[in-house]
C-alpha atoms as a PDB file:
ATOM      1  CA  MET A   1     124.606  87.434 100.470  1.00  0.00           C
ATOM      2  CA  MET A   2     121.470  86.950 101.980  1.00  0.00           C
ATOM      3  CA  LEU A   3     121.999  89.359 104.555  1.00  0.00           C
ATOM      4  CA  ALA A   4     122.669  92.108 102.427  1.00  0.00           C
ATOM      5  CA  SER A   5     119.842  91.810 100.072  1.00  0.00           C
ATOM      6  CA  ALA A   6     117.915  91.842 102.910  1.00  0.00           C
ATOM      7  CA  ILE A   7     118.733  95.029 104.130  1.00  0.00           C
ATOM      8  CA  LEU A   8     118.700  96.459 101.063  1.00  0.00           C
ATOM      9  CA  ALA A   9     114.901  95.196 100.518  1.00  0.00           C
ATOM     10  CA  VAL A  10     114.150  96.908 103.752  1.00  0.00           C
ATOM     11  CA  LEU A  11     116.328 100.137 103.588  1.00  0.00           C
ATOM     12  CA  LEU A  12     114.437 100.790  99.816  1.00  0.00           C
ATOM     13  CA  ALA A  13     111.056  99.346 101.159  1.00  0.00           C
ATOM     14  CA  LEU A  14     110.842 102.179 103.977  1.00  0.00           C
ATOM     15  CA  ILE A  15     112.353 104.700 101.686  1.00  0.00           C
ATOM     16  CA  PHE A  16     109.906 104.021  99.109  1.00  0.00           C
ATOM     17  CA  SER A  17     106.772 103.470 101.346  1.00  0.00           C
ATOM     18  CA  ALA A  18     107.529 106.638 102.928  1.00  0.00           C
ATOM     19  CA  LEU A  19     107.816 108.648  99.522  1.00  0.00           C
ATOM     20  CA  GLY A  20     105.026 106.851  97.838  1.00  0.00           C
ATOM     21  CA  THR A  21     102.581 107.727 100.841  1.00  0.00           C
ATOM     22  CA  ALA A  22     103.523 111.117 100.515  1.00  0.00           C
ATOM     23  CA  LYS A  23     102.700 111.272  97.302  1.00  0.00           C
ATOM     24  CA  ILE A  24      99.585 109.532  97.427  1.00  0.00           C
ATOM     25  CA  LEU A  25      98.685 111.891 100.343  1.00  0.00           C
ATOM     26  CA  ALA A  26     100.012 114.973  97.851  1.00  0.00           C
ATOM     27  CA  LEU A  27     101.812 116.557 100.514  1.00  0.00           C
ATOM     28  CA  GLN A  28     102.820 119.935 100.269  1.00  0.00           C
ATOM     29  CA  PRO A  29     106.595 119.288  98.880  1.00  0.00           C
ATOM     30  CA  MET A  30     105.300 116.502  96.652  1.00  0.00           C
ATOM     31  CA  ARG A  31     103.179 119.077  95.303  1.00  0.00           C
ATOM     32  CA  ALA A  32     105.566 121.619  94.510  1.00  0.00           C
ATOM     33  CA  LEU A  33     107.764 118.745  93.058  1.00  0.00           C
ATOM     34  CA  ALA A  34     105.033 117.489  90.663  1.00  0.00           C
ATOM     35  CA  ALA A  35     104.593 120.951  89.104  1.00  0.00           C
ATOM     36  CA  GLU A  36     108.335 121.553  88.688  1.00  0.00           C
ATOM     37  CA  ALA A  37     108.560 118.383  87.287  1.00  0.00           C
ATOM     38  CA  GLY A  38     105.621 118.696  84.966  1.00  0.00           C
ATOM     39  CA  PHE A  39     102.935 115.961  86.521  1.00  0.00           C
ATOM     40  CA  SER A  40      99.716 116.633  88.036  1.00  0.00           C
ATOM     41  CA  THR A  41      99.004 116.399  91.425  1.00  0.00           C
ATOM     42  CA  ALA A  42      96.739 112.724  89.913  1.00  0.00           C
ATOM     43  CA  ALA A  43      99.713 111.592  87.892  1.00  0.00           C
ATOM     44  CA  TYR A  44     102.033 112.151  90.907  1.00  0.00           C
ATOM     45  CA  ARG A  45      99.640 109.705  93.114  1.00  0.00           C
ATOM     46  CA  ARG A  46      99.449 107.165  90.493  1.00  0.00           C
ATOM     47  CA  ILE A  47     103.523 106.920  91.244  1.00  0.00           C
ATOM     48  CA  GLY A  48     103.147 107.047  94.357  1.00  0.00           C
ATOM     49  CA  VAL A  49     100.993 103.548  94.272  1.00  0.00           C
ATOM     50  CA  LEU A  50     103.620 102.444  92.418  1.00  0.00           C
ATOM     51  CA  GLU A  51     105.981 103.357  94.732  1.00  0.00           C
ATOM     52  CA  VAL A  52     104.232 101.648  97.747  1.00  0.00           C
ATOM     53  CA  ALA A  53     103.479  98.548  95.215  1.00  0.00           C
ATOM     54  CA  ALA A  54     107.175  98.170  95.262  1.00  0.00           C
ATOM     55  CA  ALA A  55     107.981  98.162  98.687  1.00  0.00           C
ATOM     56  CA  VAL A  56     105.019  95.858  99.222  1.00  0.00           C
ATOM     57  CA  GLY A  57     106.830  93.750  96.667  1.00  0.00           C
ATOM     58  CA  LEU A  58     110.392  94.327  98.544  1.00  0.00           C
ATOM     59  CA  PHE A  59     108.771  93.683 101.450  1.00  0.00           C
ATOM     60  CA  THR A  60     107.580  90.153 100.148  1.00  0.00           C
ATOM     61  CA  GLY A  61     110.645  89.664  98.453  1.00  0.00           C
ATOM     62  CA  LEU A  62     111.917  88.765 101.832  1.00  0.00           C
ATOM     63  CA  ILE A  63     110.020  85.624 102.029  1.00  0.00           C
ATOM     64  CA  GLU A  64     109.308  84.708  98.209  1.00  0.00           C
ATOM     65  CA  PRO A  65     112.610  86.073  96.115  1.00  0.00           C
ATOM     66  CA  LEU A  66     110.897  86.585  92.752  1.00  0.00           C
ATOM     67  CA  ILE A  67     108.295  88.931  93.609  1.00  0.00           C
ATOM     68  CA  GLY A  68     111.414  91.157  95.277  1.00  0.00           C
ATOM     69  CA  VAL A  69     113.197  90.993  91.968  1.00  0.00           C
ATOM     70  CA  LEU A  70     109.689  91.769  90.116  1.00  0.00           C
ATOM     71  CA  ALA A  71     109.731  94.529  92.496  1.00  0.00           C
ATOM     72  CA  GLY A  72     113.327  95.918  92.137  1.00  0.00           C
ATOM     73  CA  VAL A  73     113.130  95.490  88.515  1.00  0.00           C
ATOM     74  CA  GLY A  74     109.672  97.806  88.508  1.00  0.00           C
ATOM     75  CA  LEU A  75     111.510 100.423  90.428  1.00  0.00           C
ATOM     76  CA  LEU A  76     114.551 100.656  88.321  1.00  0.00           C
ATOM     77  CA  LEU A  77     111.886 101.537  85.639  1.00  0.00           C
ATOM     78  CA  LEU A  78     110.184 104.109  87.674  1.00  0.00           C
ATOM     79  CA  LEU A  79     113.644 105.717  88.257  1.00  0.00           C
ATOM     80  CA  SER A  80     114.695 105.481  84.905  1.00  0.00           C
ATOM     81  CA  GLY A  81     111.748 107.834  84.149  1.00  0.00           C
ATOM     82  CA  ALA A  82     112.198 109.978  86.661  1.00  0.00           C
ATOM     83  CA  VAL A  83     116.157 110.723  85.260  1.00  0.00           C
ATOM     84  CA  VAL A  84     114.650 111.452  81.967  1.00  0.00           C
ATOM     85  CA  ALA A  85     111.568 113.358  83.292  1.00  0.00           C
ATOM     86  CA  HIS A  86     114.072 115.663  84.656  1.00  0.00           C
ATOM     87  CA  LEU A  87     116.281 115.483  82.158  1.00  0.00           C
ATOM     88  CA  ARG A  88     113.718 116.741  79.867  1.00  0.00           C
ATOM     89  CA  LYS A  89     112.681 119.707  81.953  1.00  0.00           C
ATOM     90  CA  GLY A  90     116.656 120.615  81.447  1.00  0.00           C
ATOM     91  CA  GLN A  91     117.037 119.969  85.216  1.00  0.00           C
ATOM     92  CA  GLY A  92     120.622 119.643  86.190  1.00  0.00           C
ATOM     93  CA  PRO A  93     122.388 116.742  88.141  1.00  0.00           C
ATOM     94  CA  GLN A  94     121.601 118.255  91.648  1.00  0.00           C
ATOM     95  CA  LYS A  95     117.697 117.638  90.840  1.00  0.00           C
ATOM     96  CA  PHE A  96     117.890 113.819  89.537  1.00  0.00           C
ATOM     97  CA  ALA A  97     121.153 112.454  91.841  1.00  0.00           C
ATOM     98  CA  ALA A  98     118.635 111.094  94.486  1.00  0.00           C
ATOM     99  CA  ALA A  99     117.065 109.053  91.880  1.00  0.00           C
ATOM    100  CA  VAL A 100     120.305 108.002  90.675  1.00  0.00           C
ATOM    101  CA  VAL A 101     121.720 107.075  93.946  1.00  0.00           C
ATOM    102  CA  VAL A 102     118.563 105.106  94.951  1.00  0.00           C
ATOM    103  CA  GLY A 103     118.852 103.239  91.428  1.00  0.00           C
ATOM    104  CA  LEU A 104     122.384 102.320  92.037  1.00  0.00           C
ATOM    105  CA  LEU A 105     120.701 100.749  95.279  1.00  0.00           C
ATOM    106  CA  VAL A 106     118.290  99.149  93.738  1.00  0.00           C
ATOM    107  CA  ALA A 107     120.657  97.772  90.774  1.00  0.00           C
ATOM    108  CA  ALA A 108     123.035  96.449  93.747  1.00  0.00           C
ATOM    109  CA  TYR A 109     120.082  94.631  95.191  1.00  0.00           C
ATOM    110  CA  LEU A 110     118.666  93.279  91.707  1.00  0.00           C
ATOM    111  CA  VAL A 111     122.583  91.813  91.352  1.00  0.00           C
ATOM    112  CA  ILE A 112     122.148  90.469  94.735  1.00  0.00           C
ATOM    113  CA  ARG A 113     119.671  88.557  94.108  1.00  0.00           C
ATOM    114  CA  LEU A 114     120.213  87.139  90.976  1.00  0.00           C
END
């Protein structure tokens, strides 16, 4: 089980460090996604900071499990917010499917850790 949680932690940390960094740098695809979701670039950058912080927390969780669990809970809340934001904009499942899939990975990580 420890190997599975470590693999999920590293996978999720890589995903969110990449996505968060792209949001912080306000790369063109991220600016377009922010506008589509109804967020300002500054707000999207703040989301990116939260994602990078969660990635650091997941990496730290390899040594200190409680921090990893807290980072996972934070990511689950963030991803829930993403799904809600997409639904409020009237967007279909193709727009929020990635958030749901990654949310399921985070949930699996949390189940294994707890």
